[in-house]
Amino acid sequence: MATLFFCFLAFMLAAYAVLDGYDLGTGILHLRLAGDDAERRQLLRTIGPLWDGNEVFLVAAGGTLFFAFPTLYATSFSGFYLPLIMVLWLLVLRGVSIDLRSHLGSPLWRTFFDAVFSLSSALLAFFLGVALGNVVRGVPMGPGTTFFQPLWDLGPDPGILDGYTVLVGATVLATLALQGAAWATYRTTGAVHDRARGHVRPLWIATGVLTAATTAATWAVQSRVPEAMLGEPWRLVFPAAAVVAFVATPVLHRQHRHRGTFLATSAFIFAMVASAAAGLYPWMLPSSRGAQWSLAVHDVAAAEASLRVGAVWWPIGMAFALGYTVFVHRRFSGRERAE
């Protein structure tokens, strides 16, 4: 049951990365793709009915973590208190900027909130990558299953920001920008469409270089990943799927198959998150002080009886969430034109 809920949690995090990824990417490129207020509204209309619903999967992942792995929830949320508060404020600023930008007709007002939207989207993508990097690299956790990390390295223990986690953050930033460019190409027309299409190939190259560097750094920093991948080859299915999706992206892009390009970038993101989960399993939070202090799935899981009850209700709730997601994306699937 604990392994099943590990898979549930990995699925929700991967789904969140894909669904919120394209609207984060749209925000990252917002000021580069739109030349005036009409074009900025055009871009915002592509995500307007969707962005808040996409974040349901982040909330659901937090709820599943609290229910199925309470020890991990307590340990990680207390240790990552500062970056979690930063992520929370960035989520708030991003939502506020979308809702408030059109409340006044002043160009200064709208420009300010457009800048807030773009900056908060970029920082949110970066810090989500930093969070992933911390989990993969490990945290300074000892026998008390507690830890504290400064924002950067101030001693022998790694900080939240170090060379590796900044590299992962930059990789996630470039990857979501690539997905955002593919999304804008797929969902817009006119000048915005042309600019977005012109960004796909450079961002694809940047993502490839950063992903290769991050993969090499991960194998050097976290020995568990190469041991797991090479020791049990079934885990290699996920990075292989990521490679296929990544290679398919420029092929579909050259053929002007814009929907396929977007789906390929989304599949790449989903497979990369799944690769991280497969590389760490059964660890959920590695310790940088020694493998004996790492938290594994069965060490932090709730009681078996509770998980059995949750295994009945989780698919029901997820079916409603996925059904709504499919419906709203099909309902608002047309291309947006500049006013």
Protein backbone atom coordinates (compact mmCIF):
# COMPACT_ATOMS: atom_id res chain seq x y z
CA MET A 1 0.00 0.00 0.00
CA ALA A 2 2.83 2.40 0.79
CA THR A 3 4.34 1.82 -2.66
CA LEU A 4 0.94 2.38 -4.26
CA PHE A 5 0.60 5.77 -2.57
CA PHE A 6 4.16 6.61 -3.60
CA CYS A 7 3.01 6.08 -7.20
CA PHE A 8 -0.13 8.16 -6.55
CA LEU A 9 1.99 11.01 -5.20
CA ALA A 10 4.47 10.84 -8.08
CA PHE A 11 1.60 10.89 -10.58
CA MET A 12 0.03 14.00 -9.03
CA LEU A 13 3.33 15.86 -8.92
CA ALA A 14 4.04 14.95 -12.54
CA ALA A 15 0.51 16.00 -13.55
CA TYR A 16 0.97 19.32 -11.73
CA ALA A 17 4.32 19.89 -13.45
CA VAL A 18 2.68 19.37 -16.86
CA LEU A 19 -0.55 21.29 -16.27
CA ASP A 20 0.82 24.25 -14.35
CA GLY A 21 3.99 24.11 -16.42
CA TYR A 22 2.51 25.55 -19.59
CA ASP A 23 0.86 28.49 -17.84
CA LEU A 24 4.06 29.13 -15.88
CA GLY A 25 5.90 29.02 -19.20
CA THR A 26 3.39 31.44 -20.69
CA GLY A 27 4.09 33.79 -17.79
CA ILE A 28 7.86 33.45 -18.18
CA LEU A 29 7.62 34.51 -21.85
CA HIS A 30 4.74 36.93 -21.34
CA LEU A 31 6.71 40.14 -21.90
CA ARG A 32 8.78 38.69 -24.76
CA LEU A 33 5.92 37.30 -26.80
CA ALA A 34 3.46 40.18 -26.44
CA GLY A 35 4.26 43.58 -27.90
CA ASP A 36 1.27 45.55 -26.64
CA ASP A 37 -1.68 45.31 -24.28
CA ALA A 38 -3.95 43.57 -26.80
CA GLU A 39 -1.37 40.83 -27.35
CA ARG A 40 -0.84 40.42 -23.61
CA ARG A 41 -4.57 39.93 -23.15
CA GLN A 42 -4.45 37.44 -26.00
CA LEU A 43 -1.83 35.40 -24.16
CA LEU A 44 -3.67 35.61 -20.86
CA ARG A 45 -6.87 34.34 -22.48
CA THR A 46 -5.09 31.10 -23.41
CA ILE A 47 -4.62 30.27 -19.71
CA GLY A 48 -7.37 32.37 -18.10
CA PRO A 49 -9.96 29.58 -17.61
CA LEU A 50 -7.31 26.95 -16.85
CA TRP A 51 -4.48 28.11 -14.58
CA ASP A 52 -6.27 27.98 -11.22
CA GLY A 53 -7.75 24.55 -11.93
CA ASN A 54 -4.28 23.24 -12.81
CA GLU A 55 -3.08 24.01 -9.30
CA VAL A 56 -5.62 21.56 -7.86
CA PHE A 57 -3.07 18.81 -8.46
CA LEU A 58 -0.52 20.59 -6.23
CA VAL A 59 -3.10 20.85 -3.45
CA ALA A 60 -4.10 17.21 -3.95
CA ALA A 61 -0.45 16.14 -3.77
CA GLY A 62 -0.06 18.01 -0.46
CA GLY A 63 -3.20 16.36 0.90
CA THR A 64 -2.02 12.91 -0.16
CA LEU A 65 1.37 13.54 1.43
CA PHE A 66 -0.33 14.55 4.69
CA PHE A 67 -2.61 11.50 4.68
CA ALA A 68 -0.29 8.75 3.44
CA PHE A 69 3.13 9.89 4.69
CA PRO A 70 2.57 12.04 7.81
CA THR A 71 6.12 11.69 9.10
CA LEU A 72 7.55 12.86 5.81
CA TYR A 73 5.03 15.71 5.71
CA ALA A 74 6.09 16.93 9.16
CA THR A 75 9.80 16.57 8.45
CA SER A 76 9.86 18.16 5.01
CA PHE A 77 7.48 21.03 5.72
CA SER A 78 9.38 22.09 8.83
CA GLY A 79 12.79 21.73 7.17
CA PHE A 80 11.71 23.49 3.96
CA TYR A 81 9.72 26.19 5.75
CA LEU A 82 11.52 29.16 4.14
CA PRO A 83 11.35 27.98 0.49
CA LEU A 84 7.73 26.85 0.96
CA ILE A 85 6.76 30.32 2.17
CA MET A 86 8.58 31.81 -0.83
CA VAL A 87 6.67 29.49 -3.18
CA LEU A 88 3.40 30.41 -1.46
CA TRP A 89 4.01 34.13 -1.92
CA LEU A 90 4.95 33.63 -5.56
CA LEU A 91 1.72 31.69 -6.14
CA VAL A 92 -0.22 34.52 -4.50
CA LEU A 93 1.53 37.26 -6.49
CA ARG A 94 0.98 35.36 -9.72
CA GLY A 95 -2.74 34.90 -9.11
CA VAL A 96 -3.19 38.49 -7.95
CA SER A 97 -1.41 39.88 -11.02
CA ILE A 98 -3.70 37.94 -13.38
CA ASP A 99 -6.86 39.07 -11.59
CA LEU A 100 -5.94 42.72 -10.95
CA ARG A 101 -4.22 43.78 -14.19
CA SER A 102 -7.50 44.67 -15.91
CA HIS A 103 -9.18 46.41 -12.97
CA LEU A 104 -7.89 49.78 -14.16
CA GLY A 105 -7.28 51.06 -17.67
CA SER A 106 -4.04 52.81 -16.73
CA PRO A 107 -1.08 51.62 -18.85
CA LEU A 108 1.21 51.95 -15.81
CA TRP A 109 -1.11 49.76 -13.72
CA ARG A 110 -1.27 47.04 -16.36
CA THR A 111 2.45 47.15 -17.11
CA PHE A 112 3.25 46.76 -13.41
CA PHE A 113 1.07 43.68 -12.98
CA ASP A 114 2.32 42.19 -16.26
CA ALA A 115 5.85 42.50 -14.90
CA VAL A 116 4.78 40.92 -11.58
CA PHE A 117 3.11 38.07 -13.48
CA SER A 118 6.20 37.38 -15.58
CA LEU A 119 8.70 37.68 -12.73
CA SER A 120 6.67 35.59 -10.27
CA SER A 121 6.18 32.89 -12.93
CA ALA A 122 9.92 32.72 -13.62
CA LEU A 123 10.87 32.66 -9.93
CA LEU A 124 8.21 30.06 -9.17
CA ALA A 125 9.52 27.75 -11.91
CA PHE A 126 13.07 28.25 -10.65
CA PHE A 127 12.24 27.54 -6.99
CA LEU A 128 10.15 24.49 -7.86
CA GLY A 129 13.26 23.19 -9.61
CA VAL A 130 15.38 24.09 -6.59
CA ALA A 131 12.97 22.13 -4.38
CA LEU A 132 13.28 19.10 -6.65
CA GLY A 133 17.05 19.46 -6.57
CA ASN A 134 17.07 19.47 -2.77
CA VAL A 135 14.99 16.31 -2.63
CA VAL A 136 17.22 14.48 -5.12
CA ARG A 137 20.51 15.68 -3.61
CA GLY A 138 19.46 15.07 -0.01
CA VAL A 139 19.11 17.21 3.09
CA PRO A 140 21.26 17.39 6.26
CA MET A 141 19.06 15.04 8.28
CA GLY A 142 20.30 12.96 11.22
CA PRO A 143 18.75 10.43 13.60
CA GLY A 144 16.09 12.86 14.82
CA THR A 145 14.44 13.06 11.38
CA THR A 146 14.69 16.84 11.54
CA PHE A 147 16.85 19.24 9.58
CA PHE A 148 17.36 22.92 8.91
CA GLN A 149 18.84 24.46 5.78
CA PRO A 150 19.96 28.06 5.31
CA LEU A 151 19.09 29.72 2.04
CA TRP A 152 22.66 29.18 0.81
CA ASP A 153 25.67 27.18 1.97
CA LEU A 154 27.04 28.60 5.24
CA GLY A 155 28.95 25.56 6.51
CA PRO A 156 29.63 21.88 5.95
CA ASP A 157 26.00 21.08 5.20
CA PRO A 158 24.50 22.11 1.85
CA GLY A 159 22.12 25.04 1.76
CA ILE A 160 18.89 25.32 -0.17
CA LEU A 161 20.80 27.06 -2.95
CA ASP A 162 24.04 25.47 -4.07
CA GLY A 163 25.58 24.73 -7.44
CA TYR A 164 23.52 21.60 -8.04
CA THR A 165 20.12 22.93 -6.97
CA VAL A 166 20.62 26.16 -8.94
CA LEU A 167 21.42 24.02 -11.99
CA VAL A 168 18.20 22.02 -11.51
CA GLY A 169 16.25 25.27 -11.04
CA ALA A 170 17.68 26.68 -14.29
CA THR A 171 16.80 23.45 -16.10
CA VAL A 172 13.20 23.56 -14.90
CA LEU A 173 12.98 27.25 -15.85
CA ALA A 174 14.16 26.54 -19.41
CA THR A 175 11.95 23.45 -19.74
CA LEU A 176 8.78 25.26 -18.67
CA ALA A 177 9.64 28.18 -20.93
CA LEU A 178 9.90 25.67 -23.80
CA GLN A 179 6.51 24.23 -22.92
CA GLY A 180 5.06 27.75 -22.66
CA ALA A 181 6.39 28.63 -26.12
CA ALA A 182 4.85 25.43 -27.54
CA TRP A 183 1.55 26.24 -25.81
CA ALA A 184 1.46 29.82 -27.12
CA THR A 185 2.28 28.57 -30.62
CA TYR A 186 -0.56 26.07 -30.40
CA ARG A 187 -3.17 28.43 -28.92
CA THR A 188 -2.54 31.82 -30.59
CA THR A 189 -2.55 33.41 -34.03
CA GLY A 190 -0.85 36.40 -35.61
CA ALA A 191 2.30 38.06 -34.33
CA VAL A 192 2.23 36.29 -30.95
CA HIS A 193 2.07 32.93 -32.69
CA ASP A 194 5.04 33.81 -34.90
CA ARG A 195 7.15 35.04 -31.96
CA ALA A 196 6.29 31.98 -29.88
CA ARG A 197 7.19 29.65 -32.73
CA GLY A 198 10.54 31.40 -33.07
CA HIS A 199 11.31 30.70 -29.41
CA VAL A 200 10.72 26.94 -29.53
CA ARG A 201 13.99 25.84 -31.14
CA PRO A 202 16.38 28.03 -29.04
CA LEU A 203 14.60 26.96 -25.85
CA TRP A 204 14.72 23.32 -26.97
CA ILE A 205 18.50 23.58 -27.38
CA ALA A 206 18.90 25.29 -23.98
CA THR A 207 16.71 22.66 -22.33
CA GLY A 208 18.72 19.84 -23.90
CA VAL A 209 22.07 21.27 -22.75
CA LEU A 210 20.82 21.95 -19.22
CA THR A 211 19.09 18.56 -18.94
CA ALA A 212 22.28 16.76 -19.97
CA ALA A 213 24.29 18.77 -17.43
CA THR A 214 21.72 18.13 -14.70
CA THR A 215 21.64 14.40 -15.44
CA ALA A 216 25.44 14.16 -15.20
CA ALA A 217 25.46 16.21 -12.00
CA THR A 218 22.69 14.07 -10.48
CA TRP A 219 24.63 10.87 -11.07
CA ALA A 220 27.65 12.48 -9.41
CA VAL A 221 25.80 14.04 -6.47
CA GLN A 222 23.30 11.29 -5.60
CA SER A 223 24.73 7.78 -5.88
CA ARG A 224 21.31 6.23 -5.27
CA VAL A 225 20.11 7.23 -8.77
CA PRO A 226 22.73 5.38 -10.87
CA GLU A 227 22.60 2.39 -8.50
CA ALA A 228 18.84 2.13 -8.87
CA MET A 229 18.76 2.77 -12.62
CA LEU A 230 21.53 0.30 -13.47
CA GLY A 231 20.57 -2.24 -10.84
CA GLU A 232 16.94 -2.50 -11.97
CA PRO A 233 16.71 -1.66 -15.68
CA TRP A 234 12.90 -1.30 -15.63
CA ARG A 235 13.48 2.14 -14.15
CA LEU A 236 15.18 3.20 -17.38
CA VAL A 237 11.78 3.15 -19.11
CA PHE A 238 11.05 6.66 -17.80
CA PRO A 239 14.24 8.44 -18.96
CA ALA A 240 13.95 6.56 -22.28
CA ALA A 241 10.43 7.95 -22.69
CA ALA A 242 11.76 11.42 -21.88
CA VAL A 243 14.41 11.10 -24.60
CA VAL A 244 11.83 9.99 -27.17
CA ALA A 245 9.52 12.92 -26.31
CA PHE A 246 12.41 15.37 -26.38
CA VAL A 247 13.64 14.20 -29.79
CA ALA A 248 10.08 14.27 -31.17
CA THR A 249 9.64 17.95 -30.21
CA PRO A 250 11.73 19.58 -33.01
CA VAL A 251 10.49 17.04 -35.56
CA LEU A 252 6.87 17.96 -34.89
CA HIS A 253 7.80 21.63 -34.70
CA ARG A 254 9.33 21.60 -38.19
CA GLN A 255 6.18 19.95 -39.52
CA HIS A 256 4.05 22.76 -38.05
CA ARG A 257 2.18 20.21 -35.92
CA HIS A 258 1.74 22.64 -33.06
CA ARG A 259 -0.53 20.50 -30.91
CA GLY A 260 1.87 17.58 -31.23
CA THR A 261 4.80 19.81 -30.29
CA PHE A 262 3.03 20.91 -27.14
CA LEU A 263 2.09 17.33 -26.23
CA ALA A 264 5.69 16.20 -26.79
CA THR A 265 7.06 18.84 -24.41
CA SER A 266 4.40 17.87 -21.87
CA ALA A 267 5.32 14.18 -22.18
CA PHE A 268 8.99 15.11 -21.67
CA ILE A 269 8.17 16.92 -18.41
CA PHE A 270 5.97 14.09 -17.15
CA ALA A 271 8.64 11.49 -17.93
CA MET A 272 11.40 13.53 -16.26
CA VAL A 273 9.44 13.83 -13.01
CA ALA A 274 8.68 10.11 -13.18
CA SER A 275 12.40 9.44 -13.77
CA ALA A 276 13.29 11.33 -10.59
CA ALA A 277 10.76 9.30 -8.60
CA ALA A 278 11.93 6.01 -10.11
CA GLY A 279 15.56 6.86 -9.45
CA LEU A 280 14.98 7.56 -5.75
CA TYR A 281 12.45 4.82 -4.87
CA PRO A 282 12.14 3.52 -2.15
CA TRP A 283 13.71 6.69 -0.72
CA MET A 284 11.41 9.68 -0.39
CA LEU A 285 13.81 12.11 1.28
CA PRO A 286 17.52 11.21 1.14
CA SER A 287 19.92 12.37 3.83
CA SER A 288 23.19 13.98 2.82
CA ARG A 289 24.71 12.73 6.10
CA GLY A 290 24.31 9.06 5.32
CA ALA A 291 21.96 6.55 3.75
CA GLN A 292 20.97 5.23 7.18
CA TRP A 293 19.18 8.51 7.94
CA SER A 294 17.26 8.66 4.65
CA LEU A 295 13.48 8.34 4.87
CA ALA A 296 12.14 5.43 2.82
CA VAL A 297 8.56 4.75 1.78
CA HIS A 298 7.76 2.17 4.44
CA ASP A 299 9.46 4.19 7.18
CA VAL A 300 7.12 7.16 6.86
CA ALA A 301 3.85 5.60 5.67
CA ALA A 302 0.62 5.77 7.64
CA ALA A 303 -1.05 2.67 9.07
CA GLU A 304 -1.90 -0.04 6.56
CA ALA A 305 -5.61 0.09 7.43
CA SER A 306 -5.73 3.82 6.74
CA LEU A 307 -3.98 3.41 3.41
CA ARG A 308 -6.47 0.72 2.37
CA VAL A 309 -9.36 3.11 2.98
CA GLY A 310 -7.54 5.87 1.10
CA ALA A 311 -6.87 3.52 -1.82
CA VAL A 312 -10.64 3.27 -2.30
CA TRP A 313 -11.35 7.01 -2.22
CA TRP A 314 -8.26 8.34 -4.00
CA PRO A 315 -9.23 7.02 -7.47
CA ILE A 316 -12.74 8.42 -7.05
CA GLY A 317 -11.50 11.91 -6.21
CA MET A 318 -8.83 11.78 -8.91
CA ALA A 319 -11.42 10.71 -11.49
CA PHE A 320 -13.42 13.89 -10.76
CA ALA A 321 -10.27 16.04 -10.97
CA LEU A 322 -9.11 14.47 -14.23
CA GLY A 323 -12.61 14.60 -15.69
CA TYR A 324 -12.91 18.30 -14.95
CA THR A 325 -9.43 18.94 -16.36
CA VAL A 326 -10.23 17.17 -19.62
CA PHE A 327 -13.58 18.93 -19.92
CA VAL A 328 -12.27 22.46 -19.35
CA HIS A 329 -9.32 21.96 -21.71
CA ARG A 330 -11.63 20.72 -24.46
CA ARG A 331 -14.14 23.49 -23.77
CA PHE A 332 -11.51 26.23 -24.13
CA SER A 333 -9.37 24.70 -26.86
CA GLY A 334 -9.75 27.27 -29.62
CA ARG A 335 -7.05 29.63 -30.83
CA GLU A 336 -7.01 33.13 -29.39
CA ARG A 337 -6.70 36.18 -31.62
CA ALA A 338 -5.52 39.64 -30.70
CA GLU A 339 -8.37 42.07 -30.11
